[in-house]
Amino acid sequence: MADSGYQGIIKFHVNSKTPIKKQKNQKLTKEEKVYNRELSRIRVLIKNVNRRIKRFKIICDKYRNKRRRHGLRMTIICGLQNMNLQVV
């Protein structure tokens, strides 16, 4: 899932989805607008989850601990966020 700035990503990642851009001197059809709206709703949810995970400094800053623990810590952080999403 990407925004319209990543139009060429489909060549590299077949399963990626990007909004449909309007062509020059043409408007988007009603179906294309609905598709873009649904895609943006999903993308906002994903961005909100990423924002919650980035509250932990392990994501935002340079990781200064041992590499072998990074995956474990990421799993714990994501698990905490998943648990938080289920409670709310």
N, C-alpha and C. Protein backbone atom coordinates (compact mmCIF):
# COMPACT_ATOMS: atom_id res chain seq x y z
N MET A 1 0.85 -1.15 0.00
CA MET A 1 0.00 0.00 0.00
C MET A 1 0.90 1.23 0.00
N ALA A 2 0.66 2.12 -0.93
CA ALA A 2 1.48 3.32 -1.05
C ALA A 2 0.62 4.47 -1.52
N ASP A 3 1.14 5.69 -1.34
CA ASP A 3 0.39 6.82 -1.87
C ASP A 3 0.77 7.07 -3.32
N SER A 4 0.21 8.09 -3.91
CA SER A 4 0.37 8.28 -5.36
C SER A 4 1.79 8.65 -5.77
N GLY A 5 2.65 8.97 -4.84
CA GLY A 5 4.04 9.25 -5.17
C GLY A 5 4.83 8.02 -5.56
N TYR A 6 4.29 6.84 -5.31
CA TYR A 6 4.97 5.57 -5.59
C TYR A 6 4.34 4.84 -6.77
N GLN A 7 3.98 5.54 -7.82
CA GLN A 7 3.29 4.93 -8.95
C GLN A 7 4.10 3.81 -9.60
N GLY A 8 5.41 3.89 -9.63
CA GLY A 8 6.22 2.87 -10.28
C GLY A 8 6.50 1.64 -9.45
N ILE A 9 6.04 1.60 -8.22
CA ILE A 9 6.36 0.48 -7.34
C ILE A 9 5.71 -0.82 -7.80
N ILE A 10 4.65 -0.73 -8.58
CA ILE A 10 3.94 -1.92 -9.05
C ILE A 10 4.86 -2.78 -9.93
N LYS A 11 5.82 -2.16 -10.59
CA LYS A 11 6.76 -2.92 -11.41
C LYS A 11 7.63 -3.84 -10.56
N PHE A 12 7.93 -3.41 -9.34
CA PHE A 12 8.81 -4.18 -8.46
C PHE A 12 8.04 -5.07 -7.48
N HIS A 13 6.89 -4.60 -7.04
CA HIS A 13 6.06 -5.34 -6.09
C HIS A 13 4.66 -5.47 -6.68
N VAL A 14 4.35 -6.62 -7.17
CA VAL A 14 3.11 -6.85 -7.90
C VAL A 14 1.89 -6.67 -7.00
N ASN A 15 2.00 -7.03 -5.74
CA ASN A 15 0.84 -6.97 -4.84
C ASN A 15 0.60 -5.60 -4.24
N SER A 16 1.42 -4.62 -4.57
CA SER A 16 1.23 -3.30 -3.99
C SER A 16 0.06 -2.58 -4.66
N LYS A 17 -0.56 -1.69 -3.91
CA LYS A 17 -1.71 -0.95 -4.41
C LYS A 17 -1.44 0.54 -4.25
N THR A 18 -1.70 1.28 -5.31
CA THR A 18 -1.54 2.73 -5.28
C THR A 18 -2.82 3.37 -5.81
N PRO A 19 -3.08 4.60 -5.40
CA PRO A 19 -4.27 5.28 -5.92
C PRO A 19 -4.15 5.53 -7.42
N ILE A 20 -5.27 5.68 -8.06
CA ILE A 20 -5.30 5.94 -9.49
C ILE A 20 -5.20 7.44 -9.70
N LYS A 21 -4.24 7.87 -10.52
CA LYS A 21 -4.10 9.28 -10.84
C LYS A 21 -4.98 9.62 -12.03
N LYS A 22 -5.45 10.84 -12.06
CA LYS A 22 -6.25 11.24 -13.22
C LYS A 22 -5.32 11.56 -14.38
N GLN A 23 -5.78 11.28 -15.56
CA GLN A 23 -5.03 11.58 -16.77
C GLN A 23 -5.19 13.06 -17.10
N LYS A 24 -4.29 13.57 -17.89
CA LYS A 24 -4.35 14.96 -18.28
C LYS A 24 -5.66 15.22 -19.05
N ASN A 25 -6.37 16.26 -18.67
CA ASN A 25 -7.64 16.67 -19.29
C ASN A 25 -8.75 15.64 -19.15
N GLN A 26 -8.65 14.74 -18.18
CA GLN A 26 -9.71 13.76 -17.93
C GLN A 26 -9.99 13.70 -16.43
N LYS A 27 -11.20 13.42 -16.09
CA LYS A 27 -11.57 13.26 -14.68
C LYS A 27 -11.60 11.79 -14.33
N LEU A 28 -11.49 11.50 -13.03
CA LEU A 28 -11.61 10.12 -12.57
C LEU A 28 -13.07 9.70 -12.62
N THR A 29 -13.28 8.44 -12.92
CA THR A 29 -14.64 7.91 -12.91
C THR A 29 -15.09 7.72 -11.46
N LYS A 30 -16.36 7.49 -11.29
CA LYS A 30 -16.90 7.30 -9.95
C LYS A 30 -16.29 6.08 -9.27
N GLU A 31 -16.07 4.99 -10.04
CA GLU A 31 -15.47 3.78 -9.49
C GLU A 31 -14.03 4.03 -9.05
N GLU A 32 -13.30 4.81 -9.83
CA GLU A 32 -11.91 5.12 -9.48
C GLU A 32 -11.85 5.97 -8.22
N LYS A 33 -12.78 6.89 -8.07
CA LYS A 33 -12.83 7.71 -6.86
C LYS A 33 -13.15 6.87 -5.64
N VAL A 34 -14.07 5.93 -5.79
CA VAL A 34 -14.42 5.04 -4.67
C VAL A 34 -13.21 4.18 -4.30
N TYR A 35 -12.51 3.66 -5.32
CA TYR A 35 -11.31 2.85 -5.07
C TYR A 35 -10.26 3.67 -4.32
N ASN A 36 -10.01 4.90 -4.76
CA ASN A 36 -9.02 5.76 -4.10
C ASN A 36 -9.43 6.06 -2.66
N ARG A 37 -10.71 6.28 -2.44
CA ARG A 37 -11.19 6.59 -1.10
C ARG A 37 -11.02 5.40 -0.16
N GLU A 38 -11.38 4.22 -0.63
CA GLU A 38 -11.21 3.01 0.19
C GLU A 38 -9.74 2.74 0.49
N LEU A 39 -8.91 2.94 -0.50
CA LEU A 39 -7.47 2.74 -0.33
C LEU A 39 -6.91 3.72 0.69
N SER A 40 -7.35 4.96 0.64
CA SER A 40 -6.84 5.95 1.59
C SER A 40 -7.34 5.66 3.01
N ARG A 41 -8.55 5.12 3.15
CA ARG A 41 -9.03 4.75 4.49
C ARG A 41 -8.15 3.67 5.10
N ILE A 42 -7.80 2.68 4.32
CA ILE A 42 -6.94 1.60 4.81
C ILE A 42 -5.55 2.13 5.12
N ARG A 43 -5.04 3.00 4.24
CA ARG A 43 -3.70 3.54 4.43
C ARG A 43 -3.60 4.38 5.70
N VAL A 44 -4.65 5.11 6.02
CA VAL A 44 -4.66 5.91 7.25
C VAL A 44 -4.60 5.01 8.47
N LEU A 45 -5.32 3.90 8.46
CA LEU A 45 -5.27 2.96 9.59
C LEU A 45 -3.86 2.42 9.78
N ILE A 46 -3.20 2.08 8.68
CA ILE A 46 -1.83 1.55 8.75
C ILE A 46 -0.88 2.61 9.27
N LYS A 47 -1.03 3.85 8.81
CA LYS A 47 -0.16 4.93 9.28
C LYS A 47 -0.37 5.19 10.77
N ASN A 48 -1.60 5.07 11.24
CA ASN A 48 -1.85 5.27 12.67
C ASN A 48 -1.18 4.19 13.51
N VAL A 49 -1.20 2.97 13.05
CA VAL A 49 -0.52 1.89 13.78
C VAL A 49 0.99 2.13 13.78
N ASN A 50 1.54 2.53 12.64
CA ASN A 50 2.98 2.83 12.58
C ASN A 50 3.33 3.98 13.51
N ARG A 51 2.46 4.97 13.62
CA ARG A 51 2.70 6.09 14.52
C ARG A 51 2.74 5.62 15.97
N ARG A 52 1.84 4.71 16.32
CA ARG A 52 1.84 4.20 17.70
C ARG A 52 3.11 3.42 18.01
N ILE A 53 3.59 2.66 17.04
CA ILE A 53 4.80 1.88 17.25
C ILE A 53 6.01 2.79 17.35
N LYS A 54 6.01 3.89 16.61
CA LYS A 54 7.15 4.80 16.63
C LYS A 54 7.27 5.59 17.93
N ARG A 55 6.30 5.48 18.80
CA ARG A 55 6.43 6.11 20.11
C ARG A 55 7.60 5.53 20.89
N PHE A 56 7.91 4.28 20.60
CA PHE A 56 9.04 3.64 21.26
C PHE A 56 10.32 4.09 20.57
N LYS A 57 11.31 4.49 21.31
CA LYS A 57 12.54 5.04 20.74
C LYS A 57 13.34 4.02 19.94
N ILE A 58 13.07 2.75 20.13
CA ILE A 58 13.79 1.71 19.40
C ILE A 58 13.54 1.84 17.90
N ILE A 59 12.42 2.38 17.51
CA ILE A 59 12.07 2.53 16.10
C ILE A 59 12.63 3.83 15.53
N CYS A 60 12.50 4.91 16.27
CA CYS A 60 12.86 6.23 15.75
C CYS A 60 14.35 6.51 15.78
N ASP A 61 15.02 6.07 16.79
CA ASP A 61 16.44 6.39 16.96
C ASP A 61 17.31 5.24 16.48
N LYS A 62 18.60 5.50 16.47
CA LYS A 62 19.56 4.46 16.11
C LYS A 62 19.57 3.39 17.20
N TYR A 63 19.50 2.14 16.78
CA TYR A 63 19.47 1.03 17.74
C TYR A 63 20.89 0.77 18.22
N ARG A 64 21.14 0.87 19.50
CA ARG A 64 22.49 0.79 20.04
C ARG A 64 22.77 -0.47 20.84
N ASN A 65 21.83 -1.38 20.88
CA ASN A 65 22.03 -2.62 21.63
C ASN A 65 22.44 -3.74 20.68
N LYS A 66 22.49 -4.96 21.21
CA LYS A 66 22.90 -6.10 20.40
C LYS A 66 21.83 -6.43 19.35
N ARG A 67 22.29 -6.77 18.17
CA ARG A 67 21.37 -7.04 17.06
C ARG A 67 20.44 -8.22 17.31
N ARG A 68 20.95 -9.23 17.99
CA ARG A 68 20.14 -10.44 18.16
C ARG A 68 18.89 -10.17 19.00
N ARG A 69 18.87 -9.10 19.78
CA ARG A 69 17.71 -8.77 20.61
C ARG A 69 16.71 -7.86 19.88
N HIS A 70 17.12 -7.29 18.77
CA HIS A 70 16.26 -6.33 18.08
C HIS A 70 14.93 -6.96 17.64
N GLY A 71 14.98 -8.14 17.05
CA GLY A 71 13.76 -8.82 16.61
C GLY A 71 12.83 -9.13 17.77
N LEU A 72 13.41 -9.57 18.88
CA LEU A 72 12.61 -9.87 20.06
C LEU A 72 11.92 -8.62 20.58
N ARG A 73 12.66 -7.54 20.66
CA ARG A 73 12.08 -6.29 21.17
C ARG A 73 11.01 -5.75 20.23
N MET A 74 11.24 -5.87 18.94
CA MET A 74 10.23 -5.43 17.98
C MET A 74 8.95 -6.27 18.12
N THR A 75 9.13 -7.57 18.32
CA THR A 75 7.98 -8.46 18.50
C THR A 75 7.20 -8.08 19.75
N ILE A 76 7.89 -7.76 20.82
CA ILE A 76 7.23 -7.36 22.07
C ILE A 76 6.48 -6.05 21.88
N ILE A 77 7.11 -5.07 21.22
CA ILE A 77 6.46 -3.78 20.99
C ILE A 77 5.21 -3.96 20.13
N CYS A 78 5.33 -4.73 19.07
CA CYS A 78 4.17 -4.95 18.19
C CYS A 78 3.07 -5.73 18.91
N GLY A 79 3.47 -6.68 19.75
CA GLY A 79 2.49 -7.42 20.54
C GLY A 79 1.75 -6.52 21.51
N LEU A 80 2.48 -5.60 22.15
CA LEU A 80 1.83 -4.65 23.05
C LEU A 80 0.84 -3.77 22.30
N GLN A 81 1.23 -3.33 21.11
CA GLN A 81 0.33 -2.49 20.32
C GLN A 81 -0.90 -3.27 19.87
N ASN A 82 -0.71 -4.52 19.48
CA ASN A 82 -1.85 -5.36 19.08
C ASN A 82 -2.80 -5.56 20.26
N MET A 83 -2.23 -5.79 21.43
CA MET A 83 -3.05 -5.97 22.62
C MET A 83 -3.80 -4.67 22.92
N ASN A 84 -3.13 -3.54 22.76
CA ASN A 84 -3.76 -2.25 22.98
C ASN A 84 -4.89 -2.01 21.98
N LEU A 85 -4.73 -2.41 20.74
CA LEU A 85 -5.77 -2.24 19.74
C LEU A 85 -6.99 -3.10 20.04
N GLN A 86 -6.78 -4.28 20.61
CA GLN A 86 -7.89 -5.17 20.93
C GLN A 86 -8.69 -4.65 22.11
N VAL A 87 -8.02 -3.97 23.05
CA VAL A 87 -8.69 -3.44 24.24
C VAL A 87 -9.55 -2.26 23.84
N VAL A 88 -9.03 -1.42 22.97
CA VAL A 88 -9.77 -0.21 22.56
C VAL A 88 -10.80 -0.59 21.60
